[in-house]
Amino acid sequence: MEEANVVEKVKQYTMVVLRHERNTAERGGVPPDWLELMRDMHTNKQTAEVQDPVARELLATLSKLKEDKEAQLQQSQLSANDGSMASNMLSREEINQLVLENVPIKKGRRYGIGRTSEAISTSSSQHSVSSSSILQYIDRMKTELDEERTKHRAIEEELRRVTVFISNLCPKQYSATQTQPDSATQSPDDRCF
């Protein structure tokens, strides 16, 4: 993985976590459910519209599923008619579970919320993002970056060895400052191969 890809992954991951923290603070310490977080992340702040057609369709589907489940809750409460005043709204955990069950995973991420499940708990008892999970993710990305840099150095070293080997085979074609033969100035008889 290239360094730019690792940096981009960390940026995206951090963006989700920061939005979750901001939304939690705006709601008086109550964390948003993942459906709200998805809607916030994909809504254009100027037009108040979801620009991405895939995200728009997914949000519509999830919203419809949520409404259907809440309607079922209300209907079951009406049919029970036991006088209790239970809520007909889905809890945060139930909405998050609905998102988990209905959002496809692609390349280890859930469309629309990324790797949110790694950083944000589905439990309402944990109302903030786990900073240790962010640090763990950053450490994993740093490790991946270090591995890629090590591979890159090994490839550069191998290329250097091959260049030295070829320059020893064809000393006329390679000067001390030249790493590749200048084929434009060489005649066919001067070429090593």
Protein backbone atom coordinates (compact mmCIF):
# COMPACT_ATOMS: atom_id res chain seq x y z
CA MET A 1 0.00 0.00 0.00
CA GLU A 2 1.36 3.40 -0.90
CA GLU A 3 2.01 6.04 1.73
CA ALA A 4 -0.69 8.27 0.23
CA ASN A 5 -3.28 5.48 0.58
CA VAL A 6 -2.39 4.96 4.23
CA VAL A 7 -2.63 8.68 4.93
CA GLU A 8 -6.00 8.82 3.14
CA LYS A 9 -7.33 5.89 5.20
CA VAL A 10 -6.30 7.59 8.43
CA LYS A 11 -7.94 10.86 7.29
CA GLN A 12 -11.22 9.11 6.43
CA TYR A 13 -11.26 7.14 9.66
CA THR A 14 -10.48 10.25 11.69
CA MET A 15 -13.20 12.22 9.87
CA VAL A 16 -15.86 9.67 10.87
CA VAL A 17 -14.69 9.68 14.47
CA LEU A 18 -14.58 13.49 14.67
CA ARG A 19 -18.08 13.81 13.18
CA HIS A 20 -19.33 11.31 15.73
CA GLU A 21 -17.76 13.33 18.55
CA ARG A 22 -19.17 16.61 17.17
CA ASN A 23 -22.66 15.14 16.75
CA THR A 24 -22.49 13.72 20.27
CA ALA A 25 -21.52 17.12 21.68
CA GLU A 26 -24.29 18.87 19.68
CA ARG A 27 -26.84 16.43 21.10
CA GLY A 28 -25.85 17.10 24.70
CA GLY A 29 -23.65 14.03 25.08
CA VAL A 30 -26.07 11.62 23.42
CA PRO A 31 -24.28 9.87 20.55
CA PRO A 32 -25.98 9.73 17.15
CA ASP A 33 -27.04 6.42 15.70
CA TRP A 34 -25.26 5.27 12.57
CA LEU A 35 -28.18 6.21 10.34
CA GLU A 36 -27.94 9.82 11.57
CA LEU A 37 -24.16 9.72 11.18
CA MET A 38 -24.48 8.43 7.59
CA ARG A 39 -27.04 11.11 6.76
CA ASP A 40 -24.77 13.81 8.21
CA MET A 41 -21.70 12.54 6.37
CA HIS A 42 -23.40 12.35 2.97
CA THR A 43 -25.54 15.50 3.08
CA ASN A 44 -24.27 18.56 1.25
CA LYS A 45 -24.32 21.31 3.85
CA GLN A 46 -25.32 24.05 1.34
CA THR A 47 -28.09 22.20 -0.52
CA ALA A 48 -29.12 19.85 2.32
CA GLU A 49 -29.28 17.03 -0.24
CA VAL A 50 -27.49 13.71 -0.45
CA GLN A 51 -25.37 13.98 -3.59
CA ASP A 52 -24.17 10.37 -3.94
CA PRO A 53 -26.95 8.29 -5.55
CA VAL A 54 -25.80 5.08 -3.83
CA ALA A 55 -25.78 6.77 -0.42
CA ARG A 56 -29.16 8.39 -1.17
CA GLU A 57 -30.71 5.01 -2.03
CA LEU A 58 -29.12 3.32 0.98
CA LEU A 59 -30.33 6.06 3.34
CA ALA A 60 -33.85 5.84 1.88
CA THR A 61 -33.87 2.06 2.31
CA LEU A 62 -32.59 2.25 5.89
CA SER A 63 -35.04 5.03 6.78
CA LYS A 64 -37.92 2.97 5.37
CA LEU A 65 -36.80 -0.11 7.33
CA LYS A 66 -36.60 2.02 10.50
CA GLU A 67 -40.08 3.46 9.91
CA ASP A 68 -41.49 -0.02 9.25
CA LYS A 69 -40.01 -1.39 12.48
CA GLU A 70 -41.32 1.57 14.47
CA ALA A 71 -44.76 1.10 12.90
CA GLN A 72 -44.64 -2.59 13.92
CA LEU A 73 -43.75 -1.55 17.48
CA GLN A 74 -46.65 0.90 17.56
CA GLN A 75 -49.05 -1.69 16.16
CA SER A 76 -47.97 -4.32 18.67
CA GLN A 77 -48.45 -1.81 21.51
CA LEU A 78 -51.92 -0.93 20.27
CA SER A 79 -52.90 -4.58 19.97
CA ALA A 80 -51.52 -5.36 23.43
CA ASN A 81 -53.59 -2.51 24.87
CA ASP A 82 -52.30 -3.22 28.35
CA GLY A 83 -52.16 0.45 29.31
CA SER A 84 -48.37 0.65 29.30
CA MET A 85 -46.73 3.63 27.63
CA ALA A 86 -43.68 1.97 26.07
CA SER A 87 -41.83 3.88 23.39
CA ASN A 88 -42.59 3.06 19.79
CA MET A 89 -39.22 4.48 18.75
CA LEU A 90 -36.27 2.23 18.03
CA SER A 91 -33.34 2.58 20.40
CA ARG A 92 -29.91 3.66 19.21
CA GLU A 93 -28.69 0.07 19.53
CA GLU A 94 -31.60 -1.21 17.43
CA ILE A 95 -30.96 1.37 14.71
CA ASN A 96 -27.24 0.58 14.70
CA GLN A 97 -28.08 -3.13 14.43
CA LEU A 98 -30.41 -2.33 11.51
CA VAL A 99 -27.52 -0.52 9.79
CA LEU A 100 -25.12 -3.40 10.48
CA GLU A 101 -27.57 -5.91 9.04
CA ASN A 102 -28.39 -3.92 5.90
CA VAL A 103 -25.24 -2.04 4.86
CA PRO A 104 -22.91 -4.12 2.70
CA ILE A 105 -19.28 -4.58 3.65
CA LYS A 106 -16.79 -3.93 0.87
CA LYS A 107 -13.03 -4.11 1.38
CA GLY A 108 -13.52 -4.28 5.15
CA ARG A 109 -15.67 -1.16 5.32
CA ARG A 110 -19.38 -0.54 5.53
CA TYR A 111 -20.57 1.70 2.74
CA GLY A 112 -21.39 5.13 4.06
CA ILE A 113 -19.82 4.79 7.50
CA GLY A 114 -16.42 3.30 6.75
CA ARG A 115 -14.79 1.40 9.58
CA THR A 116 -17.06 3.01 12.14
CA SER A 117 -17.72 -0.23 13.95
CA GLU A 118 -14.03 -0.39 14.89
CA ALA A 119 -14.09 3.00 16.59
CA ILE A 120 -17.63 3.69 17.72
CA SER A 121 -19.44 1.44 20.09
CA THR A 122 -23.03 0.45 19.32
CA SER A 123 -23.80 0.68 23.01
CA SER A 124 -25.44 3.85 24.25
CA SER A 125 -23.66 3.40 27.57
CA GLN A 126 -20.46 4.38 25.82
CA HIS A 127 -21.25 7.88 24.63
CA SER A 128 -17.89 8.84 23.24
CA VAL A 129 -15.50 7.50 20.69
CA SER A 130 -12.80 5.25 22.03
CA SER A 131 -9.53 7.12 21.70
CA SER A 132 -7.64 3.86 22.24
CA SER A 133 -9.28 2.40 19.13
CA ILE A 134 -8.18 5.45 17.14
CA LEU A 135 -4.64 5.02 18.41
CA GLN A 136 -4.73 1.31 17.59
CA TYR A 137 -5.90 2.09 14.06
CA ILE A 138 -3.18 4.73 13.61
CA ASP A 139 -0.59 2.25 14.91
CA ARG A 140 -1.80 -0.35 12.38
CA MET A 141 -1.55 2.23 9.59
CA LYS A 142 1.96 3.21 10.73
CA THR A 143 2.97 -0.46 10.75
CA GLU A 144 1.59 -0.92 7.23
CA LEU A 145 3.44 2.20 6.11
CA ASP A 146 6.70 0.95 7.66
CA GLU A 147 6.25 -2.42 5.92
CA GLU A 148 5.68 -0.69 2.58
CA ARG A 149 8.75 1.49 3.07
CA THR A 150 10.83 -1.59 3.88
CA LYS A 151 9.58 -3.30 0.70
CA HIS A 152 10.35 -0.16 -1.29
CA ARG A 153 13.91 0.00 0.05
CA ALA A 154 14.42 -3.70 -0.76
CA ILE A 155 13.23 -3.14 -4.34
CA GLU A 156 15.52 -0.12 -4.71
CA GLU A 157 18.46 -2.14 -3.39
CA GLU A 158 17.71 -4.99 -5.80
CA LEU A 159 17.50 -2.51 -8.68
CA ARG A 160 20.86 -1.05 -7.64
CA ARG A 161 22.43 -4.54 -7.59
CA VAL A 162 21.02 -5.37 -11.03
CA THR A 163 22.29 -2.06 -12.39
CA VAL A 164 25.77 -2.74 -11.00
CA PHE A 165 25.69 -6.27 -12.43
CA ILE A 166 24.70 -5.04 -15.89
CA SER A 167 27.26 -2.24 -15.78
CA ASN A 168 29.95 -4.84 -15.01
CA LEU A 169 28.79 -6.97 -17.96
CA CYS A 170 28.75 -4.03 -20.35
CA PRO A 171 31.33 -1.52 -19.07
CA LYS A 172 31.48 0.38 -22.39
CA GLN A 173 27.81 1.20 -22.24
CA TYR A 174 27.90 2.39 -18.61
CA SER A 175 30.04 5.20 -17.34
CA ALA A 176 30.55 6.02 -13.66
CA THR A 177 27.76 8.59 -13.75
CA GLN A 178 25.39 6.78 -16.07
CA THR A 179 22.92 4.21 -14.74
CA GLN A 180 21.36 3.28 -18.08
CA PRO A 181 22.92 2.94 -21.53
CA ASP A 182 22.29 5.81 -23.91
CA SER A 183 20.78 3.84 -26.79
CA ALA A 184 20.34 6.95 -28.94
CA THR A 185 24.11 7.53 -29.20
CA GLN A 186 25.20 3.88 -29.42
CA SER A 187 25.61 1.99 -32.61
CA PRO A 188 24.18 -1.53 -32.77
CA ASP A 189 27.74 -2.94 -32.52
CA ASP A 190 28.41 -1.09 -29.24
CA ARG A 191 25.41 -2.53 -27.43
CA CYS A 192 26.04 -5.28 -24.89
CA PHE A 193 22.93 -7.30 -25.66
